[in-house]
Amino acid sequence: MFPRIPLAMCAVAAIPAVVLRFSELSASPVATMLIFGTAVGAASFVLAWAAEAVRKDISGALAVALLALVAVLPEYASETVVEHT
């Protein structure tokens, strides 16, 4: 069964971070930390649900490998940006 309510709750938890990031709004450092921390937590739940769902279609090892790749890609992107500045 597809977890509609928890997935919607994760989307609602991530919306303030997206709005704060792509708008001209600013917040105090503590509020920003809480907003983005909540969004990261919501994203981790969504990734965990996606990994569980994909394990039904493909092998468990491949699902874990894809999850690890998705988890590490932001680190590679930030290192590339820092390296070229």
C-alpha atoms as a PDB file:
ATOM      1  CA  MET A   1       0.000   0.000   0.000  1.00  0.00           C
ATOM      2  CA  PHE A   2       1.267   3.437  -0.945  1.00  0.00           C
ATOM      3  CA  PRO A   3       1.818   5.684   2.113  1.00  0.00           C
ATOM      4  CA  ARG A   4      -0.104   8.737   0.895  1.00  0.00           C
ATOM      5  CA  ILE A   5      -0.544  10.544   4.210  1.00  0.00           C
ATOM      6  CA  PRO A   6       3.085  10.208   5.406  1.00  0.00           C
ATOM      7  CA  LEU A   7       4.371  11.133   1.958  1.00  0.00           C
ATOM      8  CA  ALA A   8       2.162  14.226   1.923  1.00  0.00           C
ATOM      9  CA  MET A   9       3.431  15.129   5.400  1.00  0.00           C
ATOM     10  CA  CYS A  10       7.019  14.887   4.144  1.00  0.00           C
ATOM     11  CA  ALA A  11       6.200  17.112   1.171  1.00  0.00           C
ATOM     12  CA  VAL A  12       4.583  19.687   3.457  1.00  0.00           C
ATOM     13  CA  ALA A  13       7.629  19.561   5.753  1.00  0.00           C
ATOM     14  CA  ALA A  14       9.958  20.250   2.813  1.00  0.00           C
ATOM     15  CA  ILE A  15       8.003  23.122   1.243  1.00  0.00           C
ATOM     16  CA  PRO A  16       9.282  25.873   3.604  1.00  0.00           C
ATOM     17  CA  ALA A  17      12.890  24.996   2.754  1.00  0.00           C
ATOM     18  CA  VAL A  18      12.188  25.169  -0.974  1.00  0.00           C
ATOM     19  CA  VAL A  19      10.406  28.514  -0.587  1.00  0.00           C
ATOM     20  CA  LEU A  20      13.199  29.912   1.580  1.00  0.00           C
ATOM     21  CA  ARG A  21      15.873  28.740  -0.851  1.00  0.00           C
ATOM     22  CA  PHE A  22      14.336  30.065  -4.058  1.00  0.00           C
ATOM     23  CA  SER A  23      12.835  33.324  -2.804  1.00  0.00           C
ATOM     24  CA  GLU A  24      14.187  36.583  -1.492  1.00  0.00           C
ATOM     25  CA  LEU A  25      13.032  35.746   2.024  1.00  0.00           C
ATOM     26  CA  SER A  26      15.512  35.473   4.859  1.00  0.00           C
ATOM     27  CA  ALA A  27      15.289  34.039   8.339  1.00  0.00           C
ATOM     28  CA  SER A  28      17.443  33.898  11.418  1.00  0.00           C
ATOM     29  CA  PRO A  29      20.192  31.273  11.409  1.00  0.00           C
ATOM     30  CA  VAL A  30      18.381  29.147  13.998  1.00  0.00           C
ATOM     31  CA  ALA A  31      15.111  29.231  12.043  1.00  0.00           C
ATOM     32  CA  THR A  32      16.971  28.423   8.832  1.00  0.00           C
ATOM     33  CA  MET A  33      18.682  25.491  10.528  1.00  0.00           C
ATOM     34  CA  LEU A  34      15.346  24.149  11.773  1.00  0.00           C
ATOM     35  CA  ILE A  35      13.632  24.601   8.401  1.00  0.00           C
ATOM     36  CA  PHE A  36      16.373  22.921   6.388  1.00  0.00           C
ATOM     37  CA  GLY A  37      16.887  20.222   9.036  1.00  0.00           C
ATOM     38  CA  THR A  38      13.209  19.344   8.838  1.00  0.00           C
ATOM     39  CA  ALA A  39      13.432  19.186   5.048  1.00  0.00           C
ATOM     40  CA  VAL A  40      16.474  16.892   5.191  1.00  0.00           C
ATOM     41  CA  GLY A  41      14.681  14.619   7.657  1.00  0.00           C
ATOM     42  CA  ALA A  42      11.615  14.489   5.412  1.00  0.00           C
ATOM     43  CA  ALA A  43      13.792  13.687   2.406  1.00  0.00           C
ATOM     44  CA  SER A  44      15.448  10.843   4.292  1.00  0.00           C
ATOM     45  CA  PHE A  45      12.046   9.296   5.038  1.00  0.00           C
ATOM     46  CA  VAL A  46      11.080   9.565   1.367  1.00  0.00           C
ATOM     47  CA  LEU A  47      14.363   7.928   0.323  1.00  0.00           C
ATOM     48  CA  ALA A  48      13.793   5.098   2.792  1.00  0.00           C
ATOM     49  CA  TRP A  49      10.267   4.515   1.485  1.00  0.00           C
ATOM     50  CA  ALA A  50      11.529   4.573  -2.105  1.00  0.00           C
ATOM     51  CA  ALA A  51      14.239   2.046  -1.261  1.00  0.00           C
ATOM     52  CA  GLU A  52      11.680  -0.277   0.313  1.00  0.00           C
ATOM     53  CA  ALA A  53       9.379   0.061  -2.694  1.00  0.00           C
ATOM     54  CA  VAL A  54      12.109  -0.553  -5.247  1.00  0.00           C
ATOM     55  CA  ARG A  55      13.315  -3.670  -3.431  1.00  0.00           C
ATOM     56  CA  LYS A  56      10.120  -5.380  -4.582  1.00  0.00           C
ATOM     57  CA  ASP A  57      11.038  -4.807  -8.239  1.00  0.00           C
ATOM     58  CA  ILE A  58      14.828  -5.230  -8.286  1.00  0.00           C
ATOM     59  CA  SER A  59      17.349  -7.078  -6.149  1.00  0.00           C
ATOM     60  CA  GLY A  60      18.110  -5.796  -2.668  1.00  0.00           C
ATOM     61  CA  ALA A  61      21.803  -5.222  -3.377  1.00  0.00           C
ATOM     62  CA  LEU A  62      21.071  -3.058  -6.416  1.00  0.00           C
ATOM     63  CA  ALA A  63      18.488  -1.070  -4.452  1.00  0.00           C
ATOM     64  CA  VAL A  64      21.000  -0.395  -1.677  1.00  0.00           C
ATOM     65  CA  ALA A  65      23.643   0.600  -4.248  1.00  0.00           C
ATOM     66  CA  LEU A  66      21.274   3.069  -5.901  1.00  0.00           C
ATOM     67  CA  LEU A  67      20.299   4.502  -2.519  1.00  0.00           C
ATOM     68  CA  ALA A  68      23.968   4.951  -1.614  1.00  0.00           C
ATOM     69  CA  LEU A  69      24.602   6.706  -4.925  1.00  0.00           C
ATOM     70  CA  VAL A  70      21.703   9.106  -4.359  1.00  0.00           C
ATOM     71  CA  ALA A  71      22.935   9.782  -0.829  1.00  0.00           C
ATOM     72  CA  VAL A  72      26.480  10.620  -1.968  1.00  0.00           C
ATOM     73  CA  LEU A  73      25.705  12.707  -5.074  1.00  0.00           C
ATOM     74  CA  PRO A  74      25.160  16.014  -3.187  1.00  0.00           C
ATOM     75  CA  GLU A  75      28.588  15.646  -1.600  1.00  0.00           C
ATOM     76  CA  TYR A  76      30.209  15.205  -5.009  1.00  0.00           C
ATOM     77  CA  ALA A  77      28.320  18.207  -6.367  1.00  0.00           C
ATOM     78  CA  SER A  78      29.422  20.453  -3.516  1.00  0.00           C
ATOM     79  CA  GLU A  79      33.045  19.323  -3.868  1.00  0.00           C
ATOM     80  CA  THR A  80      32.913  20.129  -7.581  1.00  0.00           C
ATOM     81  CA  VAL A  81      31.571  23.617  -6.900  1.00  0.00           C
ATOM     82  CA  VAL A  82      34.231  24.310  -4.250  1.00  0.00           C
ATOM     83  CA  GLU A  83      36.964  22.947  -6.484  1.00  0.00           C
ATOM     84  CA  HIS A  84      36.078  25.222  -9.394  1.00  0.00           C
ATOM     85  CA  THR A  85      35.777  28.445  -7.386  1.00  0.00           C
END
